[in-house]
């Protein structure tokens, strides 16, 4: 089965990790609220899709390139890191995207179904823990 047909309920829970330290390249005054924290707060004010946990994290090392998030879930799922997110305009996109991620058994959202922002702003794609190593050439 390909990942287009592996969708449905009963999948392992997933986490939407939001970097609360992201500055989006801005100078944030002492005691000021960073854009990453505002993104997390905007998401926390919404109902997350079933099976999704919202988790704040300290730093995803993408500080100058918009807010960053990661989506992960279970040993058999790919993990994705996305950047260039904005706290005011992307909470709906993230809620939709993490629902699609949860629905994909292996975490790979079919290309045509991916939100456009995900297609253009993926920082990293990390293989599942149980991924097989590529076979070596025997020549």
N, C-alpha and C. Protein backbone atom coordinates (compact mmCIF):
# COMPACT_ATOMS: atom_id res chain seq x y z
N UNK A 1 0.83 -1.20 0.00
CA UNK A 1 0.00 0.00 0.00
C UNK A 1 0.86 1.24 0.00
N UNK A 2 0.50 2.25 -0.79
CA UNK A 2 1.23 3.51 -0.72
C UNK A 2 0.60 4.40 0.34
N UNK A 3 1.26 5.52 0.65
CA UNK A 3 0.76 6.33 1.73
C UNK A 3 -0.56 7.02 1.41
N UNK A 4 -0.97 7.08 0.13
CA UNK A 4 -2.27 7.64 -0.20
C UNK A 4 -3.40 6.78 0.36
N UNK A 5 -3.17 5.46 0.46
CA UNK A 5 -4.23 4.56 0.88
C UNK A 5 -4.08 4.11 2.32
N UNK A 6 -3.07 4.59 3.01
CA UNK A 6 -2.85 4.18 4.39
C UNK A 6 -3.42 5.17 5.37
N UNK A 7 -4.44 5.89 5.01
CA UNK A 7 -4.96 6.92 5.89
C UNK A 7 -6.14 6.37 6.67
N UNK A 8 -6.38 6.98 7.83
CA UNK A 8 -7.53 6.58 8.62
C UNK A 8 -7.30 6.77 10.09
N UNK A 9 -8.31 6.43 10.86
CA UNK A 9 -8.24 6.60 12.31
C UNK A 9 -7.40 5.51 12.93
N UNK A 10 -7.07 5.70 14.20
CA UNK A 10 -6.36 4.67 14.93
C UNK A 10 -4.85 4.76 14.80
N UNK A 11 -4.34 5.82 14.24
CA UNK A 11 -2.90 5.96 14.10
C UNK A 11 -2.29 6.40 15.42
N UNK A 12 -0.99 6.16 15.54
CA UNK A 12 -0.26 6.58 16.73
C UNK A 12 -0.38 8.08 16.92
N UNK A 13 -0.38 8.53 18.16
CA UNK A 13 -0.45 9.97 18.41
C UNK A 13 0.77 10.69 17.83
N UNK A 14 0.59 11.96 17.52
CA UNK A 14 1.69 12.77 16.99
C UNK A 14 1.84 14.02 17.84
N UNK A 15 3.02 14.63 17.73
CA UNK A 15 3.32 15.88 18.41
C UNK A 15 3.58 16.97 17.39
N UNK A 16 3.05 18.14 17.68
CA UNK A 16 3.40 19.35 16.95
C UNK A 16 4.28 20.14 17.90
N UNK A 17 5.57 20.17 17.61
CA UNK A 17 6.54 20.86 18.45
C UNK A 17 6.73 22.27 17.92
N UNK A 18 6.54 23.26 18.76
CA UNK A 18 6.65 24.66 18.34
C UNK A 18 7.79 25.31 19.10
N UNK A 19 8.73 25.88 18.36
CA UNK A 19 9.84 26.58 18.98
C UNK A 19 9.33 27.90 19.56
N UNK A 20 9.36 28.01 20.88
CA UNK A 20 8.86 29.23 21.53
C UNK A 20 9.94 30.31 21.62
N UNK A 21 11.16 29.99 21.22
CA UNK A 21 12.26 30.96 21.27
C UNK A 21 12.49 31.65 19.94
N UNK A 22 11.79 31.23 18.88
CA UNK A 22 11.99 31.84 17.56
C UNK A 22 11.75 33.34 17.61
N UNK A 23 12.68 34.07 16.98
CA UNK A 23 12.61 35.53 16.95
C UNK A 23 12.20 36.06 15.58
N UNK A 24 12.23 35.20 14.57
CA UNK A 24 11.92 35.59 13.20
C UNK A 24 12.80 36.75 12.76
N UNK A 25 14.05 36.79 13.25
CA UNK A 25 14.99 37.83 12.87
C UNK A 25 14.76 39.17 13.54
N UNK A 26 13.81 39.24 14.45
CA UNK A 26 13.48 40.50 15.12
C UNK A 26 14.28 40.65 16.41
N UNK A 27 14.52 41.88 16.80
CA UNK A 27 15.05 42.16 18.13
C UNK A 27 13.87 42.15 19.08
N UNK A 28 13.95 41.33 20.11
CA UNK A 28 12.86 41.24 21.08
C UNK A 28 13.37 41.85 22.38
N UNK A 29 12.69 42.88 22.89
CA UNK A 29 13.15 43.52 24.12
C UNK A 29 13.11 42.55 25.30
N UNK A 30 13.95 42.82 26.28
CA UNK A 30 13.97 42.02 27.51
C UNK A 30 12.56 41.91 28.05
N UNK A 31 12.13 40.68 28.32
CA UNK A 31 10.78 40.46 28.84
C UNK A 31 9.70 40.46 27.77
N UNK A 32 10.10 40.73 26.51
CA UNK A 32 9.12 40.74 25.41
C UNK A 32 8.74 39.32 25.00
N UNK A 33 7.61 39.19 24.35
CA UNK A 33 7.13 37.89 23.89
C UNK A 33 7.64 37.67 22.48
N UNK A 34 8.34 36.57 22.29
CA UNK A 34 8.90 36.25 20.98
C UNK A 34 7.82 35.74 20.03
N UNK A 35 8.03 35.91 18.71
CA UNK A 35 7.06 35.42 17.74
C UNK A 35 6.77 33.91 17.90
N UNK A 36 7.78 33.12 18.23
CA UNK A 36 7.56 31.69 18.43
C UNK A 36 6.61 31.40 19.57
N UNK A 37 6.72 32.16 20.63
CA UNK A 37 5.80 31.99 21.76
C UNK A 37 4.39 32.41 21.35
N UNK A 38 4.30 33.49 20.56
CA UNK A 38 2.97 33.92 20.09
C UNK A 38 2.34 32.86 19.18
N UNK A 39 3.16 32.19 18.35
CA UNK A 39 2.65 31.11 17.50
C UNK A 39 2.13 29.97 18.38
N UNK A 40 2.92 29.58 19.37
CA UNK A 40 2.48 28.51 20.26
C UNK A 40 1.18 28.90 20.96
N UNK A 41 1.10 30.13 21.46
CA UNK A 41 -0.09 30.59 22.16
C UNK A 41 -1.32 30.59 21.24
N UNK A 42 -1.13 30.99 19.99
CA UNK A 42 -2.24 30.99 19.03
C UNK A 42 -2.73 29.56 18.78
N UNK A 43 -1.80 28.62 18.70
CA UNK A 43 -2.18 27.22 18.50
C UNK A 43 -2.82 26.64 19.75
N UNK A 44 -2.31 27.01 20.93
CA UNK A 44 -2.85 26.50 22.19
C UNK A 44 -4.29 26.99 22.41
N UNK A 45 -4.65 28.11 21.80
CA UNK A 45 -6.00 28.64 21.94
C UNK A 45 -6.99 27.91 21.04
N UNK A 46 -6.49 27.04 20.18
CA UNK A 46 -7.34 26.28 19.26
C UNK A 46 -7.44 24.84 19.73
N UNK A 47 -8.43 24.17 19.21
CA UNK A 47 -8.53 22.75 19.49
C UNK A 47 -7.64 22.02 18.49
N UNK A 48 -6.72 21.22 19.00
CA UNK A 48 -5.86 20.44 18.13
C UNK A 48 -6.66 19.26 17.56
N UNK A 49 -6.30 18.80 16.36
CA UNK A 49 -6.97 17.63 15.80
C UNK A 49 -6.81 16.43 16.74
N UNK A 50 -7.75 15.52 16.65
CA UNK A 50 -7.69 14.31 17.47
C UNK A 50 -6.36 13.59 17.25
N UNK A 51 -5.74 13.17 18.35
CA UNK A 51 -4.48 12.43 18.26
C UNK A 51 -3.24 13.31 18.20
N UNK A 52 -3.41 14.63 18.32
CA UNK A 52 -2.28 15.56 18.21
C UNK A 52 -2.06 16.28 19.54
N UNK A 53 -0.80 16.30 19.97
CA UNK A 53 -0.41 17.03 21.17
C UNK A 53 0.47 18.19 20.76
N UNK A 54 0.19 19.36 21.31
CA UNK A 54 0.98 20.56 21.07
C UNK A 54 2.04 20.65 22.16
N UNK A 55 3.31 20.78 21.76
CA UNK A 55 4.41 20.79 22.72
C UNK A 55 5.33 21.98 22.45
N UNK A 56 5.54 22.86 23.45
CA UNK A 56 6.52 23.93 23.28
C UNK A 56 7.93 23.38 23.44
N UNK A 57 8.86 23.86 22.63
CA UNK A 57 10.27 23.47 22.75
C UNK A 57 11.13 24.72 22.77
N UNK A 58 12.31 24.60 23.33
CA UNK A 58 13.19 25.76 23.54
C UNK A 58 13.82 26.32 22.27
N UNK A 59 14.32 25.48 21.37
CA UNK A 59 14.98 26.03 20.19
C UNK A 59 15.13 24.96 19.12
N UNK A 60 14.79 25.31 17.89
CA UNK A 60 14.98 24.41 16.76
C UNK A 60 16.09 24.91 15.83
N UNK A 61 16.88 25.87 16.30
CA UNK A 61 18.07 26.36 15.60
C UNK A 61 17.79 26.91 14.20
N UNK A 62 16.69 27.62 14.06
CA UNK A 62 16.33 28.25 12.79
C UNK A 62 15.88 29.68 13.05
N UNK A 63 16.55 30.33 13.98
CA UNK A 63 16.10 31.57 14.61
C UNK A 63 15.81 32.74 13.67
N UNK A 64 16.53 32.90 12.61
CA UNK A 64 16.36 34.07 11.76
C UNK A 64 15.43 33.84 10.57
N UNK A 65 14.86 32.66 10.46
CA UNK A 65 14.07 32.32 9.27
C UNK A 65 12.63 31.99 9.62
N UNK A 66 11.98 32.88 10.33
CA UNK A 66 10.59 32.66 10.70
C UNK A 66 10.48 31.69 11.84
N UNK A 67 9.27 31.51 12.30
CA UNK A 67 9.04 30.53 13.36
C UNK A 67 9.17 29.13 12.77
N UNK A 68 9.57 28.19 13.63
CA UNK A 68 9.80 26.82 13.19
C UNK A 68 9.00 25.85 14.04
N UNK A 69 8.58 24.76 13.40
CA UNK A 69 7.86 23.69 14.08
C UNK A 69 8.41 22.35 13.58
N UNK A 70 8.14 21.30 14.36
CA UNK A 70 8.44 19.95 13.93
C UNK A 70 7.19 19.11 14.15
N UNK A 71 7.02 18.11 13.30
CA UNK A 71 5.93 17.14 13.45
C UNK A 71 6.57 15.77 13.54
N UNK A 72 6.23 15.05 14.63
CA UNK A 72 6.78 13.70 14.79
C UNK A 72 5.73 12.83 15.45
N UNK A 73 5.91 11.51 15.26
CA UNK A 73 4.96 10.60 15.89
C UNK A 73 5.28 9.15 15.64
N UNK A 74 5.80 8.50 16.63
CA UNK A 74 6.04 7.07 16.55
C UNK A 74 7.28 6.70 15.77
N UNK A 75 7.73 5.49 16.02
CA UNK A 75 8.98 5.01 15.44
C UNK A 75 8.88 4.71 13.94
N UNK A 76 7.67 4.59 13.41
CA UNK A 76 7.52 4.24 11.99
C UNK A 76 7.15 5.43 11.12
N UNK A 77 7.19 6.62 11.68
CA UNK A 77 6.76 7.82 10.97
C UNK A 77 7.94 8.74 10.68
N UNK A 78 7.95 9.36 9.50
CA UNK A 78 8.92 10.39 9.19
C UNK A 78 8.65 11.60 10.07
N UNK A 79 9.69 12.34 10.43
CA UNK A 79 9.58 13.59 11.17
C UNK A 79 9.89 14.73 10.19
N UNK A 80 9.12 15.80 10.28
CA UNK A 80 9.32 16.96 9.41
C UNK A 80 9.55 18.21 10.25
N UNK A 81 10.44 19.08 9.76
CA UNK A 81 10.69 20.37 10.37
C UNK A 81 10.35 21.42 9.32
N UNK A 82 9.49 22.37 9.69
CA UNK A 82 9.06 23.44 8.79
C UNK A 82 9.42 24.79 9.39
N UNK A 83 9.75 25.73 8.52
CA UNK A 83 10.10 27.07 8.96
C UNK A 83 9.35 28.13 8.20
N UNK A 84 9.79 29.38 8.41
CA UNK A 84 9.22 30.54 7.74
C UNK A 84 7.73 30.68 8.05
N UNK A 85 7.38 30.36 9.30
CA UNK A 85 6.00 30.44 9.73
C UNK A 85 5.76 31.76 10.47
N UNK A 86 4.54 32.25 10.39
CA UNK A 86 4.18 33.51 11.05
C UNK A 86 3.03 33.24 12.02
N UNK A 87 3.14 33.80 13.20
CA UNK A 87 2.17 33.54 14.26
C UNK A 87 0.76 34.04 13.94
N UNK A 88 0.65 35.07 13.10
CA UNK A 88 -0.67 35.61 12.79
C UNK A 88 -1.34 34.91 11.61
N UNK A 89 -0.54 34.47 10.63
CA UNK A 89 -1.15 33.95 9.40
C UNK A 89 -1.06 32.43 9.23
N UNK A 90 -0.36 31.71 10.09
CA UNK A 90 -0.18 30.28 9.86
C UNK A 90 -0.78 29.30 10.86
N UNK A 91 -1.45 29.73 11.93
CA UNK A 91 -2.05 28.72 12.82
C UNK A 91 -3.05 27.78 12.12
N UNK A 92 -3.91 28.31 11.24
CA UNK A 92 -4.85 27.44 10.52
C UNK A 92 -4.11 26.44 9.64
N UNK A 93 -3.09 26.92 8.94
CA UNK A 93 -2.27 26.05 8.10
C UNK A 93 -1.66 24.92 8.92
N UNK A 94 -1.14 25.24 10.09
CA UNK A 94 -0.51 24.22 10.92
C UNK A 94 -1.51 23.23 11.47
N UNK A 95 -2.69 23.69 11.85
CA UNK A 95 -3.72 22.79 12.33
C UNK A 95 -4.15 21.83 11.22
N UNK A 96 -4.33 22.34 10.02
CA UNK A 96 -4.67 21.51 8.87
C UNK A 96 -3.53 20.54 8.54
N UNK A 97 -2.31 21.07 8.53
CA UNK A 97 -1.16 20.25 8.16
C UNK A 97 -0.89 19.12 9.14
N UNK A 98 -1.01 19.39 10.44
CA UNK A 98 -0.75 18.33 11.41
C UNK A 98 -1.86 17.28 11.38
N UNK A 99 -3.07 17.66 11.00
CA UNK A 99 -4.14 16.67 10.83
C UNK A 99 -3.82 15.75 9.65
N UNK A 100 -3.31 16.32 8.56
CA UNK A 100 -2.90 15.51 7.40
C UNK A 100 -1.74 14.59 7.77
N UNK A 101 -0.79 15.12 8.53
CA UNK A 101 0.36 14.34 8.98
C UNK A 101 -0.12 13.17 9.84
N UNK A 102 -1.03 13.41 10.75
CA UNK A 102 -1.57 12.36 11.61
C UNK A 102 -2.28 11.29 10.79
N UNK A 103 -2.98 11.70 9.75
CA UNK A 103 -3.74 10.76 8.93
C UNK A 103 -2.85 9.88 8.06
N UNK A 104 -1.64 10.33 7.77
CA UNK A 104 -0.71 9.55 6.93
C UNK A 104 0.05 8.57 7.83
N UNK A 105 -0.15 7.30 7.64
CA UNK A 105 0.42 6.27 8.51
C UNK A 105 1.93 6.43 8.68
N UNK A 106 2.64 6.79 7.61
CA UNK A 106 4.10 6.92 7.69
C UNK A 106 4.54 8.37 7.87
N UNK A 107 3.58 9.29 8.00
CA UNK A 107 3.90 10.69 8.18
C UNK A 107 4.15 11.44 6.89
N UNK A 108 4.13 10.75 5.78
CA UNK A 108 4.39 11.39 4.48
C UNK A 108 3.05 11.81 3.88
N UNK A 109 2.80 13.11 3.89
CA UNK A 109 1.58 13.65 3.29
C UNK A 109 1.79 13.61 1.78
N UNK A 110 0.86 13.02 1.01
CA UNK A 110 1.03 13.02 -0.44
C UNK A 110 1.27 14.43 -0.97
N UNK A 111 2.19 14.56 -1.92
CA UNK A 111 2.63 15.87 -2.42
C UNK A 111 1.46 16.77 -2.79
N UNK A 112 0.51 16.26 -3.54
CA UNK A 112 -0.61 17.08 -4.01
C UNK A 112 -1.52 17.54 -2.87
N UNK A 113 -1.52 16.81 -1.76
CA UNK A 113 -2.38 17.15 -0.62
C UNK A 113 -1.69 18.10 0.36
N UNK A 114 -0.37 18.27 0.22
CA UNK A 114 0.38 19.12 1.16
C UNK A 114 0.00 20.58 1.00
N UNK A 115 -0.14 21.27 2.12
CA UNK A 115 -0.30 22.73 2.00
C UNK A 115 0.89 23.32 1.26
N UNK A 116 0.64 24.32 0.45
CA UNK A 116 1.69 24.93 -0.37
C UNK A 116 2.88 25.37 0.48
N UNK A 117 2.62 25.91 1.66
CA UNK A 117 3.71 26.36 2.53
C UNK A 117 4.63 25.20 2.91
N UNK A 118 4.07 24.02 3.12
CA UNK A 118 4.89 22.84 3.46
C UNK A 118 5.78 22.45 2.29
N UNK A 119 5.29 22.58 1.08
CA UNK A 119 6.09 22.23 -0.09
C UNK A 119 7.32 23.12 -0.22
N UNK A 120 7.20 24.38 0.17
CA UNK A 120 8.26 25.37 -0.06
C UNK A 120 9.13 25.67 1.16
N UNK A 121 8.75 25.20 2.35
CA UNK A 121 9.44 25.60 3.57
C UNK A 121 9.81 24.44 4.48
N UNK A 122 10.09 23.30 3.88
CA UNK A 122 10.54 22.16 4.66
C UNK A 122 12.04 22.31 4.91
N UNK A 123 12.42 22.34 6.18
CA UNK A 123 13.83 22.49 6.56
C UNK A 123 14.51 21.13 6.60
N UNK A 124 13.79 20.13 7.11
CA UNK A 124 14.38 18.79 7.23
C UNK A 124 13.28 17.75 7.23
N UNK A 125 13.66 16.59 6.73
CA UNK A 125 12.80 15.40 6.75
C UNK A 125 13.67 14.30 7.33
N UNK A 126 13.27 13.76 8.46
CA UNK A 126 14.09 12.81 9.21
C UNK A 126 13.43 11.44 9.14
N UNK A 127 14.18 10.42 8.73
CA UNK A 127 13.56 9.09 8.55
C UNK A 127 13.10 8.48 9.86
N UNK A 128 12.17 7.54 9.75
CA UNK A 128 11.71 6.84 10.95
C UNK A 128 12.85 6.07 11.61
N UNK A 129 12.69 5.82 12.89
CA UNK A 129 13.72 5.08 13.63
C UNK A 129 13.97 3.71 13.02
N UNK A 130 12.94 3.09 12.50
CA UNK A 130 13.05 1.73 11.99
C UNK A 130 13.32 1.69 10.49
N UNK A 131 13.77 2.80 9.92
CA UNK A 131 14.05 2.83 8.49
C UNK A 131 15.22 1.92 8.18
N UNK A 132 15.10 1.19 7.08
CA UNK A 132 16.18 0.30 6.65
C UNK A 132 17.28 1.14 6.02
N UNK A 133 18.51 0.73 6.27
CA UNK A 133 19.65 1.39 5.63
C UNK A 133 19.63 1.05 4.15
N UNK A 134 20.03 2.00 3.29
CA UNK A 134 20.09 1.69 1.86
C UNK A 134 21.07 0.56 1.60
N UNK A 135 20.72 -0.30 0.67
CA UNK A 135 21.60 -1.41 0.33
C UNK A 135 22.83 -0.87 -0.37
N UNK A 136 23.99 -1.47 -0.03
CA UNK A 136 25.24 -1.05 -0.65
C UNK A 136 25.40 -1.72 -2.00
N UNK A 137 26.04 -0.99 -2.89
CA UNK A 137 26.35 -1.54 -4.21
C UNK A 137 27.32 -2.69 -4.04
N UNK A 138 27.07 -3.81 -4.67
CA UNK A 138 27.93 -4.99 -4.51
C UNK A 138 28.99 -5.08 -5.58
N UNK A 139 29.19 -4.00 -6.32
CA UNK A 139 30.20 -4.05 -7.38
C UNK A 139 31.52 -3.50 -6.92
